[in-house]
PDB file of N, CA and C in Angstrom:
ATOM      1  N   GLN A   1       0.836  -1.021   0.142  1.00  0.00           N
ATOM      2  CA  GLN A   1       0.254   0.159   0.033  1.00  0.00           C
ATOM      3  C   GLN A   1       1.324   0.716   0.171  1.00  0.00           C
ATOM      4  N   VAL A   2       2.150   1.277   0.965  1.00  0.00           N
ATOM      5  CA  VAL A   2       2.293   2.386   0.802  1.00  0.00           C
ATOM      6  C   VAL A   2       4.050   2.575  -0.287  1.00  0.00           C
ATOM      7  N   HIS A   3       3.845   1.974  -0.838  1.00  0.00           N
ATOM      8  CA  HIS A   3       4.579   1.545  -2.128  1.00  0.00           C
ATOM      9  C   HIS A   3       4.387   1.832  -3.103  1.00  0.00           C
ATOM     10  N   ALA A   4       3.000   1.761  -2.956  1.00  0.00           N
ATOM     11  CA  ALA A   4       1.925   2.272  -4.055  1.00  0.00           C
ATOM     12  C   ALA A   4       1.734   3.400  -4.819  1.00  0.00           C
ATOM     13  N   SER A   5       1.664   3.981  -3.075  1.00  0.00           N
ATOM     14  CA  SER A   5       0.951   5.188  -3.333  1.00  0.00           C
ATOM     15  C   SER A   5       2.399   6.536  -3.836  1.00  0.00           C
ATOM     16  N   LYS A   6       3.898   5.762  -2.279  1.00  0.00           N
ATOM     17  CA  LYS A   6       4.574   6.437  -3.291  1.00  0.00           C
ATOM     18  C   LYS A   6       4.850   6.513  -4.803  1.00  0.00           C
ATOM     19  N   ALA A   7       4.824   4.971  -5.107  1.00  0.00           N
ATOM     20  CA  ALA A   7       4.602   5.073  -7.017  1.00  0.00           C
ATOM     21  C   ALA A   7       3.697   5.877  -7.979  1.00  0.00           C
ATOM     22  N   ARG A   8       2.986   6.263  -6.943  1.00  0.00           N
ATOM     23  CA  ARG A   8       1.470   7.466  -8.349  1.00  0.00           C
ATOM     24  C   ARG A   8       2.185   9.047  -7.200  1.00  0.00           C
ATOM     25  N   ARG A   9       2.907   8.916  -6.505  1.00  0.00           N
ATOM     26  CA  ARG A   9       3.710  10.066  -6.295  1.00  0.00           C
ATOM     27  C   ARG A   9       1.956  11.347  -5.080  1.00  0.00           C
ATOM     28  N   ARG A  10       1.418   9.419  -5.048  1.00  0.00           N
ATOM     29  CA  ARG A  10       0.386  10.601  -4.280  1.00  0.00           C
ATOM     30  C   ARG A  10       0.617  10.622  -2.477  1.00  0.00           C
ATOM     31  N   GLY A  11       1.513  10.270  -2.140  1.00  0.00           N
ATOM     32  CA  GLY A  11       2.035   9.625  -0.305  1.00  0.00           C
ATOM     33  C   GLY A  11       1.992  10.725   0.232  1.00  0.00           C
ATOM     34  N   LEU A  12       2.270  11.367   1.213  1.00  0.00           N
ATOM     35  CA  LEU A  12       2.604  12.619   1.788  1.00  0.00           C
ATOM     36  C   LEU A  12       4.184  13.299   1.545  1.00  0.00           C
ATOM     37  N   TRP A  13       3.887  14.208   1.758  1.00  0.00           N
ATOM     38  CA  TRP A  13       5.174  14.692   1.592  1.00  0.00           C
ATOM     39  C   TRP A  13       5.416  15.760   2.975  1.00  0.00           C
ATOM     40  N   LEU A  14       6.753  16.995   3.475  1.00  0.00           N
ATOM     41  CA  LEU A  14       6.858  17.167   4.396  1.00  0.00           C
ATOM     42  C   LEU A  14       5.938  18.248   4.459  1.00  0.00           C
ATOM     43  N   ASP A  15       6.357  18.788   3.590  1.00  0.00           N
ATOM     44  CA  ASP A  15       4.762  19.663   3.089  1.00  0.00           C
ATOM     45  C   ASP A  15       3.973  20.223   3.655  1.00  0.00           C
ATOM     46  N   HIS A  16       3.387  18.448   3.214  1.00  0.00           N
ATOM     47  CA  HIS A  16       1.823  18.565   3.552  1.00  0.00           C
ATOM     48  C   HIS A  16       1.576  18.331   5.007  1.00  0.00           C
ATOM     49  N   ILE A  17       2.440  17.495   5.776  1.00  0.00           N
ATOM     50  CA  ILE A  17       2.326  17.480   7.064  1.00  0.00           C
ATOM     51  C   ILE A  17       3.542  18.649   8.076  1.00  0.00           C
ATOM     52  N   PHE A  18       3.755  20.008   7.572  1.00  0.00           N
ATOM     53  CA  PHE A  18       4.185  20.690   7.618  1.00  0.00           C
ATOM     54  C   PHE A  18       3.507  22.170   8.136  1.00  0.00           C
ATOM     55  N   ASN A  19       2.651  21.870   6.282  1.00  0.00           N
ATOM     56  CA  ASN A  19       1.583  23.312   6.373  1.00  0.00           C
ATOM     57  C   ASN A  19       0.362  22.894   6.147  1.00  0.00           C
ATOM     58  N   SER A  20      -0.335  21.734   5.855  1.00  0.00           N
ATOM     59  CA  SER A  20      -1.302  21.819   6.174  1.00  0.00           C
ATOM     60  C   SER A  20      -1.912  20.090   6.216  1.00  0.00           C
ATOM     61  N   ARG A  21      -2.549  20.126   7.301  1.00  0.00           N
ATOM     62  CA  ARG A  21      -3.283  18.958   8.217  1.00  0.00           C
ATOM     63  C   ARG A  21      -4.524  18.820   7.584  1.00  0.00           C
ATOM     64  N   GLU A  22      -5.377  19.813   6.614  1.00  0.00           N
ATOM     65  CA  GLU A  22      -6.280  19.972   6.107  1.00  0.00           C
ATOM     66  C   GLU A  22      -6.140  18.540   4.728  1.00  0.00           C
ATOM     67  N   ASP A  23      -5.085  18.823   4.174  1.00  0.00           N
ATOM     68  CA  ASP A  23      -4.245  18.637   2.487  1.00  0.00           C
ATOM     69  C   ASP A  23      -3.973  17.434   3.292  1.00  0.00           C
ATOM     70  N   ALA A  24      -2.805  17.090   4.286  1.00  0.00           N
ATOM     71  CA  ALA A  24      -2.444  15.918   4.657  1.00  0.00           C
ATOM     72  C   ALA A  24      -3.362  14.564   4.927  1.00  0.00           C
ATOM     73  N   LYS A  25      -4.395  15.502   5.639  1.00  0.00           N
ATOM     74  CA  LYS A  25      -5.932  14.421   5.250  1.00  0.00           C
ATOM     75  C   LYS A  25      -6.353  13.909   4.717  1.00  0.00           C
ATOM     76  N   ARG A  26      -6.492  14.878   3.621  1.00  0.00           N
ATOM     77  CA  ARG A  26      -6.878  14.531   2.194  1.00  0.00           C
ATOM     78  C   ARG A  26      -6.469  13.103   1.311  1.00  0.00           C
ATOM     79  N   GLN A  27      -4.946  13.685   1.223  1.00  0.00           N
ATOM     80  CA  GLN A  27      -4.144  12.603   1.119  1.00  0.00           C
ATOM     81  C   GLN A  27      -3.912  11.078   1.427  1.00  0.00           C
ATOM     82  N   LEU A  28      -4.587  11.204   2.882  1.00  0.00           N
ATOM     83  CA  LEU A  28      -4.814   9.522   3.953  1.00  0.00           C
ATOM     84  C   LEU A  28      -5.730   9.433   3.044  1.00  0.00           C
ATOM     85  N   GLU A  29      -7.112   9.910   3.618  1.00  0.00           N
ATOM     86  CA  GLU A  29      -8.018   9.446   3.094  1.00  0.00           C
ATOM     87  C   GLU A  29      -8.255   8.541   1.535  1.00  0.00           C
ATOM     88  N   ALA A  30      -7.763   9.403   0.722  1.00  0.00           N
ATOM     89  CA  ALA A  30      -7.608   8.919  -0.627  1.00  0.00           C
ATOM     90  C   ALA A  30      -7.054   7.680  -0.184  1.00  0.00           C
ATOM     91  N   ASP A  31      -5.750   7.330  -0.063  1.00  0.00           N
ATOM     92  CA  ASP A  31      -5.230   6.118   0.242  1.00  0.00           C
ATOM     93  C   ASP A  31      -5.661   5.021   1.556  1.00  0.00           C
ATOM     94  N   LEU A  32      -6.760   5.958   2.103  1.00  0.00           N
ATOM     95  CA  LEU A  32      -7.271   4.435   2.952  1.00  0.00           C
ATOM     96  C   LEU A  32      -8.517   3.994   2.339  1.00  0.00           C
ATOM     97  N   VAL A  33      -9.176   4.827   1.211  1.00  0.00           N
ATOM     98  CA  VAL A  33      -9.732   3.597   0.057  1.00  0.00           C
ATOM     99  C   VAL A  33      -9.272   2.624  -0.372  1.00  0.00           C
ATOM    100  N   GLU A  34      -8.139   2.019  -0.139  1.00  0.00           N
ATOM    101  CA  GLU A  34      -7.544   0.876  -0.863  1.00  0.00           C
ATOM    102  C   GLU A  34      -6.921   0.006  -0.140  1.00  0.00           C
ATOM    103  N   TYR A  35      -6.619   0.791   1.427  1.00  0.00           N
ATOM    104  CA  TYR A  35      -7.043  -0.099   2.499  1.00  0.00           C
ATOM    105  C   TYR A  35      -8.108  -1.378   2.642  1.00  0.00           C
ATOM    106  N   TYR A  36      -8.737  -0.238   3.102  1.00  0.00           N
ATOM    107  CA  TYR A  36     -10.488  -0.609   2.605  1.00  0.00           C
ATOM    108  C   TYR A  36     -10.963  -1.498   1.667  1.00  0.00           C
ATOM    109  N   GLY A  37     -10.992  -1.020   0.291  1.00  0.00           N
ATOM    110  CA  GLY A  37     -10.927  -2.242  -0.538  1.00  0.00           C
ATOM    111  C   GLY A  37     -10.258  -3.407  -0.350  1.00  0.00           C
ATOM    112  N   MET A  38      -8.747  -3.695  -0.092  1.00  0.00           N
ATOM    113  CA  MET A  38      -8.473  -4.219   0.190  1.00  0.00           C
ATOM    114  C   MET A  38      -8.934  -5.440   0.975  1.00  0.00           C
ATOM    115  N   LEU A  39      -9.302  -4.671   2.511  1.00  0.00           N
ATOM    116  CA  LEU A  39     -10.438  -5.847   3.764  1.00  0.00           C
ATOM    117  C   LEU A  39     -10.876  -6.755   2.499  1.00  0.00           C
ATOM    118  N   LYS A  40     -12.409  -6.039   2.283  1.00  0.00           N
ATOM    119  CA  LYS A  40     -12.843  -6.146   1.417  1.00  0.00           C
ATOM    120  C   LYS A  40     -12.430  -7.261   0.490  1.00  0.00           C
ATOM    121  N   VAL A  41     -11.569  -6.968  -0.540  1.00  0.00           N
ATOM    122  CA  VAL A  41     -11.289  -8.170  -1.751  1.00  0.00           C
ATOM    123  C   VAL A  41     -10.533  -9.152  -1.044  1.00  0.00           C
ATOM    124  N   LEU A  42     -10.141  -9.192   0.018  1.00  0.00           N
ATOM    125  CA  LEU A  42      -9.552 -10.052   1.161  1.00  0.00           C
ATOM    126  C   LEU A  42     -10.954 -11.547   1.912  1.00  0.00           C
ATOM    127  N   GLY A  43     -11.788 -10.182   1.964  1.00  0.00           N
ATOM    128  CA  GLY A  43     -12.898 -10.842   2.668  1.00  0.00           C
ATOM    129  C   GLY A  43     -12.990 -10.738   4.727  1.00  0.00           C
ATOM    130  N   ILE A  44     -11.782  -9.786   4.402  1.00  0.00           N
ATOM    131  CA  ILE A  44     -11.506 -10.427   6.005  1.00  0.00           C
ATOM    132  C   ILE A  44     -11.991  -8.597   7.074  1.00  0.00           C
ATOM    133  N   SER A  45     -12.086  -8.837   8.223  1.00  0.00           N
ATOM    134  CA  SER A  45     -12.398  -7.330   8.877  1.00  0.00           C
ATOM    135  C   SER A  45     -11.217  -6.972   9.410  1.00  0.00           C
ATOM    136  N   GLU A  46     -11.683  -6.103  10.307  1.00  0.00           N
ATOM    137  CA  GLU A  46      -9.841  -5.125  10.374  1.00  0.00           C
ATOM    138  C   GLU A  46      -9.781  -6.136  12.107  1.00  0.00           C
ATOM    139  N   GLN A  47     -10.747  -6.321  12.728  1.00  0.00           N
ATOM    140  CA  GLN A  47     -10.510  -6.999  13.941  1.00  0.00           C
ATOM    141  C   GLN A  47      -9.708  -8.433  13.357  1.00  0.00           C
ATOM    142  N   GLU A  48     -10.001  -9.012  12.130  1.00  0.00           N
ATOM    143  CA  GLU A  48      -9.277 -10.600  12.083  1.00  0.00           C
ATOM    144  C   GLU A  48      -7.788  -9.690  11.641  1.00  0.00           C
ATOM    145  N   LEU A  49      -7.501  -8.498  10.733  1.00  0.00           N
ATOM    146  CA  LEU A  49      -6.575  -8.368  10.508  1.00  0.00           C
ATOM    147  C   LEU A  49      -5.914  -7.919  11.951  1.00  0.00           C
ATOM    148  N   TYR A  50      -6.139  -7.442  12.838  1.00  0.00           N
ATOM    149  CA  TYR A  50      -5.521  -7.609  14.027  1.00  0.00           C
ATOM    150  C   TYR A  50      -4.936  -8.121  14.288  1.00  0.00           C
ATOM    151  N   ARG A  51      -6.437  -9.419  14.808  1.00  0.00           N
ATOM    152  CA  ARG A  51      -5.918 -10.896  15.367  1.00  0.00           C
ATOM    153  C   ARG A  51      -4.261 -10.880  14.696  1.00  0.00           C
ATOM    154  N   LYS A  52      -4.445 -11.573  13.442  1.00  0.00           N
ATOM    155  CA  LYS A  52      -3.729 -12.149  12.508  1.00  0.00           C
ATOM    156  C   LYS A  52      -2.128 -11.339  12.945  1.00  0.00           C
ATOM    157  N   ALA A  53      -2.104 -10.446  12.499  1.00  0.00           N
ATOM    158  CA  ALA A  53      -1.052  -9.216  12.564  1.00  0.00           C
ATOM    159  C   ALA A  53      -0.597  -8.832  14.176  1.00  0.00           C
ATOM    160  N   GLN A  54      -1.403  -9.154  14.927  1.00  0.00           N
ATOM    161  CA  GLN A  54      -0.580  -9.067  17.063  1.00  0.00           C
ATOM    162  C   GLN A  54      -0.012 -10.442  16.618  1.00  0.00           C
ATOM    163  N   GLN A  55      -0.064 -11.709  15.446  1.00  0.00           N
ATOM    164  CA  GLN A  55       0.687 -13.283  15.896  1.00  0.00           C
ATOM    165  C   GLN A  55       1.619 -12.945  15.387  1.00  0.00           C
ATOM    166  N   ASN A  56       2.414 -12.172  14.941  1.00  0.00           N
ATOM    167  CA  ASN A  56       3.546 -11.426  13.969  1.00  0.00           C
ATOM    168  C   ASN A  56       4.155 -10.479  14.991  1.00  0.00           C
ATOM    169  N   ASN A  57       5.304 -10.899  15.149  1.00  0.00           N
ATOM    170  CA  ASN A  57       5.885 -10.313  15.881  1.00  0.00           C
ATOM    171  C   ASN A  57       7.504  -9.586  15.592  1.00  0.00           C
ATOM    172  N   LYS A  58       7.350  -9.089  14.346  1.00  0.00           N
ATOM    173  CA  LYS A  58       7.892  -8.216  12.927  1.00  0.00           C
ATOM    174  C   LYS A  58       6.746  -6.792  12.753  1.00  0.00           C
ATOM    175  N   ILE A  59       5.277  -6.795  13.453  1.00  0.00           N
ATOM    176  CA  ILE A  59       4.781  -6.036  13.178  1.00  0.00           C
ATOM    177  C   ILE A  59       4.898  -4.741  14.353  1.00  0.00           C
ATOM    178  N   GLN A  60       4.792  -3.446  14.193  1.00  0.00           N
ATOM    179  CA  GLN A  60       5.456  -2.668  15.343  1.00  0.00           C
ATOM    180  C   GLN A  60       3.925  -2.017  15.372  1.00  0.00           C
ATOM    181  N   PRO A  61       4.128  -1.782  17.236  1.00  0.00           N
ATOM    182  CA  PRO A  61       2.986  -1.613  18.111  1.00  0.00           C
ATOM    183  C   PRO A  61       1.905  -0.237  17.569  1.00  0.00           C
ATOM    184  N   HIS A  62       3.151   0.448  16.805  1.00  0.00           N
ATOM    185  CA  HIS A  62       1.681   1.339  16.157  1.00  0.00           C
ATOM    186  C   HIS A  62       0.775   1.140  14.560  1.00  0.00           C
ATOM    187  N   VAL A  63       1.983  -0.150  13.962  1.00  0.00           N
ATOM    188  CA  VAL A  63       0.332  -0.900  13.394  1.00  0.00           C
ATOM    189  C   VAL A  63      -0.438  -1.320  13.613  1.00  0.00           C
ATOM    190  N   LEU A  64      -0.524  -1.889  15.267  1.00  0.00           N
ATOM    191  CA  LEU A  64      -1.719  -2.765  15.604  1.00  0.00           C
ATOM    192  C   LEU A  64      -2.494  -1.598  16.027  1.00  0.00           C
ATOM    193  N   ALA A  65      -2.273  -0.502  16.645  1.00  0.00           N
ATOM    194  CA  ALA A  65      -2.663   0.686  17.113  1.00  0.00           C
ATOM    195  C   ALA A  65      -3.215   1.376  15.734  1.00  0.00           C
ATOM    196  N   PHE A  66      -3.247   1.738  14.563  1.00  0.00           N
ATOM    197  CA  PHE A  66      -3.560   2.155  13.318  1.00  0.00           C
ATOM    198  C   PHE A  66      -4.712   1.191  12.643  1.00  0.00           C
ATOM    199  N   ILE A  67      -4.921  -0.077  13.031  1.00  0.00           N
ATOM    200  CA  ILE A  67      -5.515  -0.986  12.709  1.00  0.00           C
ATOM    201  C   ILE A  67      -7.190  -0.606  13.221  1.00  0.00           C
ATOM    202  N   LEU A  68      -6.570  -0.712  14.908  1.00  0.00           N
ATOM    203  CA  LEU A  68      -7.788  -0.767  15.363  1.00  0.00           C
ATOM    204  C   LEU A  68      -8.754   1.339  15.395  1.00  0.00           C
ATOM    205  N   ALA A  69      -7.384   2.296  15.161  1.00  0.00           N
ATOM    206  CA  ALA A  69      -7.985   3.160  15.500  1.00  0.00           C
ATOM    207  C   ALA A  69      -9.183   3.571  14.277  1.00  0.00           C
ATOM    208  N   GLU A  70     -10.545   4.300  15.127  1.00  0.00           N
ATOM    209  CA  GLU A  70     -10.923   5.074  14.829  1.00  0.00           C
ATOM    210  C   GLU A  70     -11.168   5.428  13.255  1.00  0.00           C
ATOM    211  N   ASN A  71     -10.217   6.755  14.106  1.00  0.00           N
ATOM    212  CA  ASN A  71      -9.796   7.655  13.046  1.00  0.00           C
ATOM    213  C   ASN A  71      -8.916   7.933  12.356  1.00  0.00           C
ATOM    214  N   LYS A  72      -8.026   6.731  11.341  1.00  0.00           N
ATOM    215  CA  LYS A  72      -7.034   6.826  10.592  1.00  0.00           C
ATOM    216  C   LYS A  72      -6.116   7.705  10.285  1.00  0.00           C
ATOM    217  N   SER A  73      -6.512   8.521   9.435  1.00  0.00           N
ATOM    218  CA  SER A  73      -5.948   9.480   9.173  1.00  0.00           C
ATOM    219  C   SER A  73      -5.220  10.392   9.736  1.00  0.00           C
ATOM    220  N   ASP A  74      -6.001  10.590  11.265  1.00  0.00           N
ATOM    221  CA  ASP A  74      -5.666  11.894  12.353  1.00  0.00           C
ATOM    222  C   ASP A  74      -4.771  10.973  13.467  1.00  0.00           C
ATOM    223  N   TYR A  75      -4.681   9.525  13.343  1.00  0.00           N
ATOM    224  CA  TYR A  75      -3.993   9.496  14.192  1.00  0.00           C
ATOM    225  C   TYR A  75      -2.819   9.028  13.440  1.00  0.00           C
ATOM    226  N   VAL A  76      -3.252   8.392  11.577  1.00  0.00           N
ATOM    227  CA  VAL A  76      -1.259   8.635  11.505  1.00  0.00           C
ATOM    228  C   VAL A  76      -0.942  10.589  11.902  1.00  0.00           C
ATOM    229  N   LEU A  77      -1.394  11.294  10.929  1.00  0.00           N
ATOM    230  CA  LEU A  77      -0.747  12.813  11.227  1.00  0.00           C
ATOM    231  C   LEU A  77      -0.588  13.156  13.065  1.00  0.00           C
ATOM    232  N   ASP A  78      -1.522  12.245  13.980  1.00  0.00           N
ATOM    233  CA  ASP A  78      -0.777  12.579  15.027  1.00  0.00           C
ATOM    234  C   ASP A  78       0.526  12.060  15.282  1.00  0.00           C
ATOM    235  N   LEU A  79       0.614  10.911  15.307  1.00  0.00           N
ATOM    236  CA  LEU A  79       1.949   9.943  15.022  1.00  0.00           C
ATOM    237  C   LEU A  79       3.515  11.540  13.931  1.00  0.00           C
ATOM    238  N   PHE A  80       3.187  11.992  12.940  1.00  0.00           N
ATOM    239  CA  PHE A  80       3.700  12.409  12.522  1.00  0.00           C
ATOM    240  C   PHE A  80       4.033  14.104  13.268  1.00  0.00           C
ATOM    241  N   ASP A  81       2.758  14.308  14.166  1.00  0.00           N
ATOM    242  CA  ASP A  81       3.111  16.128  14.497  1.00  0.00           C
ATOM    243  C   ASP A  81       4.037  15.047  16.300  1.00  0.00           C
ATOM    244  N   THR A  82       4.008  14.254  16.768  1.00  0.00           N
ATOM    245  CA  THR A  82       4.563  13.376  17.685  1.00  0.00           C
ATOM    246  C   THR A  82       6.314  13.130  17.177  1.00  0.00           C
ATOM    247  N   TRP A  83       6.371  13.009  16.390  1.00  0.00           N
ATOM    248  CA  TRP A  83       7.987  11.554  16.173  1.00  0.00           C
ATOM    249  C   TRP A  83       8.450  13.151  14.678  1.00  0.00           C
ATOM    250  N   VAL A  84       7.840  13.960  14.092  1.00  0.00           N
ATOM    251  CA  VAL A  84       8.892  14.747  13.259  1.00  0.00           C
ATOM    252  C   VAL A  84       7.959  16.398  13.113  1.00  0.00           C
ATOM    253  N   VAL A  85       6.572  17.142  12.933  1.00  0.00           N
ATOM    254  CA  VAL A  85       6.621  18.062  13.336  1.00  0.00           C
ATOM    255  C   VAL A  85       6.819  18.680  14.653  1.00  0.00           C
ATOM    256  N   LYS A  86       6.633  18.193  15.499  1.00  0.00           N
ATOM    257  CA  LYS A  86       6.971  18.652  16.846  1.00  0.00           C
ATOM    258  C   LYS A  86       8.383  18.465  17.696  1.00  0.00           C
ATOM    259  N   ASN A  87       8.938  17.455  17.200  1.00  0.00           N
ATOM    260  CA  ASN A  87      10.336  17.264  17.234  1.00  0.00           C
ATOM    261  C   ASN A  87      11.667  17.728  17.182  1.00  0.00           C
ATOM    262  N   PRO A  88      11.501  17.781  18.382  1.00  0.00           N
ATOM    263  CA  PRO A  88      13.133  18.879  18.232  1.00  0.00           C
ATOM    264  C   PRO A  88      14.499  18.464  17.670  1.00  0.00           C
ATOM    265  N   ASP A  89      14.438  17.091  17.881  1.00  0.00           N
ATOM    266  CA  ASP A  89      16.048  16.678  17.400  1.00  0.00           C
ATOM    267  C   ASP A  89      15.361  16.070  15.893  1.00  0.00           C
ATOM    268  N   PHE A  90      14.248  16.387  15.365  1.00  0.00           N
ATOM    269  CA  PHE A  90      14.133  15.718  13.986  1.00  0.00           C
ATOM    270  C   PHE A  90      14.691  17.019  12.653  1.00  0.00           C
ATOM    271  N   PRO A  91      16.040  17.059  11.953  1.00  0.00           N
ATOM    272  CA  PRO A  91      16.547  17.847  11.307  1.00  0.00           C
ATOM    273  C   PRO A  91      15.306  18.938  10.131  1.00  0.00           C
ATOM    274  N   PRO A  92      15.854  20.632  10.365  1.00  0.00           N
ATOM    275  CA  PRO A  92      14.962  21.447  10.039  1.00  0.00           C
ATOM    276  C   PRO A  92      14.988  21.091   8.187  1.00  0.00           C
ATOM    277  N   ARG A  93      14.217  21.653   8.332  1.00  0.00           N
ATOM    278  CA  ARG A  93      13.905  21.275   6.800  1.00  0.00           C
ATOM    279  C   ARG A  93      14.866  22.531   5.240  1.00  0.00           C
ATOM    280  N   ALA A  94      15.362  22.289   4.274  1.00  0.00           N
ATOM    281  CA  ALA A  94      15.408  23.726   4.046  1.00  0.00           C
ATOM    282  C   ALA A  94      15.306  23.302   2.188  1.00  0.00           C
ATOM    283  N   ASP A  95      15.623  23.711   1.631  1.00  0.00           N
ATOM    284  CA  ASP A  95      15.935  24.365   0.075  1.00  0.00           C
ATOM    285  C   ASP A  95      16.668  23.356  -0.552  1.00  0.00           C
ATOM    286  N   VAL A  96      17.170  22.222  -0.898  1.00  0.00           N
ATOM    287  CA  VAL A  96      18.751  21.793  -1.380  1.00  0.00           C
ATOM    288  C   VAL A  96      18.510  22.025  -2.446  1.00  0.00           C
ATOM    289  N   SER A  97      17.775  22.295  -3.218  1.00  0.00           N
ATOM    290  CA  SER A  97      17.647  22.976  -4.886  1.00  0.00           C
ATOM    291  C   SER A  97      18.627  24.006  -4.262  1.00  0.00           C
ATOM    292  N   HIS A  98      18.339  24.912  -3.640  1.00  0.00           N
ATOM    293  CA  HIS A  98      18.552  26.238  -3.720  1.00  0.00           C
ATOM    294  C   HIS A  98      20.243  26.256  -2.943  1.00  0.00           C
ATOM    295  N   LEU A  99      20.410  25.796  -1.769  1.00  0.00           N
ATOM    296  CA  LEU A  99      21.648  25.512  -1.266  1.00  0.00           C
ATOM    297  C   LEU A  99      22.498  25.384  -2.345  1.00  0.00           C
ATOM    298  N   LEU A 100      22.481  23.511  -2.902  1.00  0.00           N
ATOM    299  CA  LEU A 100      23.346  23.544  -3.883  1.00  0.00           C
ATOM    300  C   LEU A 100      23.093  24.469  -4.351  1.00  0.00           C
ATOM    301  N   ARG A 101      23.122  25.433  -5.413  1.00  0.00           N
ATOM    302  CA  ARG A 101      23.284  25.877  -6.745  1.00  0.00           C
ATOM    303  C   ARG A 101      24.165  27.687  -6.102  1.00  0.00           C
ATOM    304  N   GLU A 102      23.073  27.625  -4.648  1.00  0.00           N
ATOM    305  CA  GLU A 102      24.105  28.941  -3.963  1.00  0.00           C
ATOM    306  C   GLU A 102      25.540  28.711  -3.663  1.00  0.00           C
ATOM    307  N   THR A 103      25.827  26.782  -3.150  1.00  0.00           N
ATOM    308  CA  THR A 103      27.043  26.421  -2.786  1.00  0.00           C
ATOM    309  C   THR A 103      28.146  27.091  -3.928  1.00  0.00           C
ATOM    310  N   ILE A 104      27.372  25.636  -5.419  1.00  0.00           N
ATOM    311  CA  ILE A 104      27.825  25.960  -6.360  1.00  0.00           C
ATOM    312  C   ILE A 104      28.660  27.728  -6.734  1.00  0.00           C
ATOM    313  N   ARG A 105      27.107  28.580  -6.781  1.00  0.00           N
ATOM    314  CA  ARG A 105      27.709  29.357  -7.131  1.00  0.00           C
ATOM    315  C   ARG A 105      28.765  30.203  -6.154  1.00  0.00           C
ATOM    316  N   THR A 106      28.897  30.314  -5.891  1.00  0.00           N
ATOM    317  CA  THR A 106      29.726  30.555  -4.377  1.00  0.00           C
ATOM    318  C   THR A 106      31.520  30.229  -4.578  1.00  0.00           C
ATOM    319  N   GLY A 107      31.645  29.171  -5.390  1.00  0.00           N
ATOM    320  CA  GLY A 107      32.870  28.444  -5.309  1.00  0.00           C
ATOM    321  C   GLY A 107      32.885  27.032  -3.980  1.00  0.00           C
ATOM    322  N   GLY A 108      31.876  27.284  -3.712  1.00  0.00           N
ATOM    323  CA  GLY A 108      31.754  25.877  -2.662  1.00  0.00           C
ATOM    324  C   GLY A 108      32.013  23.974  -3.219  1.00  0.00           C
ATOM    325  N   LYS A 109      31.670  23.462  -2.830  1.00  0.00           N
ATOM    326  CA  LYS A 109      32.400  22.653  -3.037  1.00  0.00           C
ATOM    327  C   LYS A 109      31.119  21.325  -2.286  1.00  0.00           C
ATOM    328  N   VAL A 110      30.448  20.056  -3.403  1.00  0.00           N
ATOM    329  CA  VAL A 110      29.371  19.508  -2.769  1.00  0.00           C
ATOM    330  C   VAL A 110      29.508  18.012  -2.970  1.00  0.00           C
ATOM    331  N   LEU A 111      29.601  17.360  -2.513  1.00  0.00           N
ATOM    332  CA  LEU A 111      29.531  16.029  -2.266  1.00  0.00           C
ATOM    333  C   LEU A 111      28.138  14.776  -2.769  1.00  0.00           C
ATOM    334  N   LEU A 112      28.305  14.660  -3.688  1.00  0.00           N
ATOM    335  CA  LEU A 112      27.109  13.775  -4.020  1.00  0.00           C
ATOM    336  C   LEU A 112      27.525  11.964  -4.107  1.00  0.00           C
ATOM    337  N   GLU A 113      26.579  11.496  -3.397  1.00  0.00           N
ATOM    338  CA  GLU A 113      26.872  10.608  -3.117  1.00  0.00           C
ATOM    339  C   GLU A 113      25.120   9.222  -3.423  1.00  0.00           C
ATOM    340  N   GLY A 114      25.616   8.159  -3.725  1.00  0.00           N
ATOM    341  CA  GLY A 114      24.436   7.279  -4.508  1.00  0.00           C
ATOM    342  C   GLY A 114      24.748   6.749  -5.695  1.00  0.00           C
TER     343      GLY A 114
END
């Protein structure tokens, strides 16, 4: 699910979660249509999904809580608020393209990896 959203370039970007909770919520709710559709295709309820996921020790607690959350988009956005938006240890955002152009323009050096 996450990969499909990413491939379609429909997933959340930092701008969504830092700037407009309403836009982020709209993005998430569009993706949730597929989540609920897959439950229907598989013929399982969220309670069944939760029970199966709970038996797998690789499933993280926040994923289990997501399955049970009544308002899934608010649950995800609250996680982002806690771990990203309001987290003082999260690196500050920057306009990387601008920083690269400015560094090159002023004769600075840039290390590119990857």
